[in-house]
């Protein structure tokens, strides 16, 4: 099918015709700055300590108080 071949050729050569415009600039900034910064902020703000924990130990730095059982 010529339409499929034309579409495939266009898809494979998209990097040759790429230009920054307002849409691609916004997507690039979101993908390379905002999203990694948000992931880092969430990861940094969490109160987890992954080093040296055993199977039965809590990952939280300050272990939560055990619930009272009836």
C-alpha atoms as a PDB file:
ATOM      1  CA  UNK A   1       0.000   0.000   0.000  1.00  0.00           C
ATOM      2  CA  UNK A   2       1.584   3.301  -1.055  1.00  0.00           C
ATOM      3  CA  UNK A   3      -0.010   5.255   1.799  1.00  0.00           C
ATOM      4  CA  UNK A   4       1.571   2.985   4.408  1.00  0.00           C
ATOM      5  CA  UNK A   5       4.959   3.251   2.713  1.00  0.00           C
ATOM      6  CA  UNK A   6       4.679   7.043   2.517  1.00  0.00           C
ATOM      7  CA  UNK A   7       3.691   7.258   6.194  1.00  0.00           C
ATOM      8  CA  UNK A   8       6.550   4.946   7.208  1.00  0.00           C
ATOM      9  CA  UNK A   9       9.069   7.002   5.226  1.00  0.00           C
ATOM     10  CA  UNK A  10       7.781  10.197   6.832  1.00  0.00           C
ATOM     11  CA  UNK A  11       7.958   8.640  10.305  1.00  0.00           C
ATOM     12  CA  UNK A  12      11.528   7.417   9.804  1.00  0.00           C
ATOM     13  CA  UNK A  13      12.735  10.797   8.508  1.00  0.00           C
ATOM     14  CA  UNK A  14      10.992  13.034  11.039  1.00  0.00           C
ATOM     15  CA  UNK A  15      14.296  14.039  12.660  1.00  0.00           C
ATOM     16  CA  UNK A  16      15.427  15.570   9.366  1.00  0.00           C
ATOM     17  CA  UNK A  17      12.505  18.003   9.337  1.00  0.00           C
ATOM     18  CA  UNK A  18      12.216  18.731  13.065  1.00  0.00           C
ATOM     19  CA  UNK A  19      12.030  22.383  14.092  1.00  0.00           C
ATOM     20  CA  UNK A  20      11.417  23.968  17.442  1.00  0.00           C
ATOM     21  CA  UNK A  21       8.146  25.817  17.638  1.00  0.00           C
ATOM     22  CA  UNK A  22       6.033  26.702  20.655  1.00  0.00           C
ATOM     23  CA  UNK A  23       4.549  23.216  20.926  1.00  0.00           C
ATOM     24  CA  UNK A  24       7.797  21.254  20.619  1.00  0.00           C
ATOM     25  CA  UNK A  25       9.643  23.691  22.893  1.00  0.00           C
ATOM     26  CA  UNK A  26       6.985  23.267  25.585  1.00  0.00           C
ATOM     27  CA  UNK A  27       7.108  19.473  25.260  1.00  0.00           C
ATOM     28  CA  UNK A  28      10.904  19.505  25.441  1.00  0.00           C
ATOM     29  CA  UNK A  29      10.970  21.700  28.537  1.00  0.00           C
ATOM     30  CA  UNK A  30       8.335  19.568  30.234  1.00  0.00           C
ATOM     31  CA  UNK A  31      10.102  16.342  29.346  1.00  0.00           C
ATOM     32  CA  UNK A  32      13.666  17.393  30.119  1.00  0.00           C
ATOM     33  CA  UNK A  33      13.249  19.861  33.003  1.00  0.00           C
ATOM     34  CA  UNK A  34       9.862  19.907  34.712  1.00  0.00           C
ATOM     35  CA  UNK A  35       9.142  16.173  34.886  1.00  0.00           C
ATOM     36  CA  UNK A  36      12.607  15.128  36.175  1.00  0.00           C
ATOM     37  CA  UNK A  37      12.518  18.004  38.675  1.00  0.00           C
ATOM     38  CA  UNK A  38       9.091  16.872  39.908  1.00  0.00           C
ATOM     39  CA  UNK A  39      10.288  13.268  40.264  1.00  0.00           C
ATOM     40  CA  UNK A  40      13.388  14.438  42.151  1.00  0.00           C
ATOM     41  CA  UNK A  41      11.311  16.673  44.434  1.00  0.00           C
ATOM     42  CA  UNK A  42       8.900  13.877  45.308  1.00  0.00           C
ATOM     43  CA  UNK A  43      11.732  11.399  45.847  1.00  0.00           C
ATOM     44  CA  UNK A  44      13.721  13.856  47.965  1.00  0.00           C
ATOM     45  CA  UNK A  45      10.763  14.854  50.132  1.00  0.00           C
ATOM     46  CA  UNK A  46       9.830  11.275  51.020  1.00  0.00           C
ATOM     47  CA  UNK A  47      11.010  10.055  54.392  1.00  0.00           C
ATOM     48  CA  UNK A  48      12.437   6.719  53.287  1.00  0.00           C
ATOM     49  CA  UNK A  49      15.755   5.111  54.126  1.00  0.00           C
ATOM     50  CA  UNK A  50      16.541   2.215  51.781  1.00  0.00           C
ATOM     51  CA  UNK A  51      20.025   1.423  53.052  1.00  0.00           C
ATOM     52  CA  UNK A  52      20.641  -1.509  55.334  1.00  0.00           C
ATOM     53  CA  UNK A  53      17.058  -2.609  55.890  1.00  0.00           C
ATOM     54  CA  UNK A  54      16.154  -6.176  56.590  1.00  0.00           C
ATOM     55  CA  UNK A  55      13.058  -7.995  55.422  1.00  0.00           C
ATOM     56  CA  UNK A  56      11.126  -7.366  58.655  1.00  0.00           C
ATOM     57  CA  UNK A  57      12.212  -3.730  59.122  1.00  0.00           C
ATOM     58  CA  UNK A  58      10.176  -0.733  58.020  1.00  0.00           C
ATOM     59  CA  UNK A  59      11.521   1.394  55.164  1.00  0.00           C
ATOM     60  CA  UNK A  60      10.393   4.572  56.931  1.00  0.00           C
ATOM     61  CA  UNK A  61      13.185   6.336  58.823  1.00  0.00           C
ATOM     62  CA  UNK A  62      10.947   6.604  61.860  1.00  0.00           C
ATOM     63  CA  UNK A  63       8.961   3.395  62.080  1.00  0.00           C
ATOM     64  CA  UNK A  64       5.220   3.930  62.565  1.00  0.00           C
ATOM     65  CA  UNK A  65       3.761   2.985  65.909  1.00  0.00           C
ATOM     66  CA  UNK A  66       2.344  -0.538  65.878  1.00  0.00           C
ATOM     67  CA  UNK A  67      -1.430  -0.701  65.807  1.00  0.00           C
ATOM     68  CA  UNK A  68      -3.145  -1.963  68.911  1.00  0.00           C
ATOM     69  CA  UNK A  69      -4.799  -5.311  68.351  1.00  0.00           C
ATOM     70  CA  UNK A  70      -7.936  -6.357  70.195  1.00  0.00           C
END
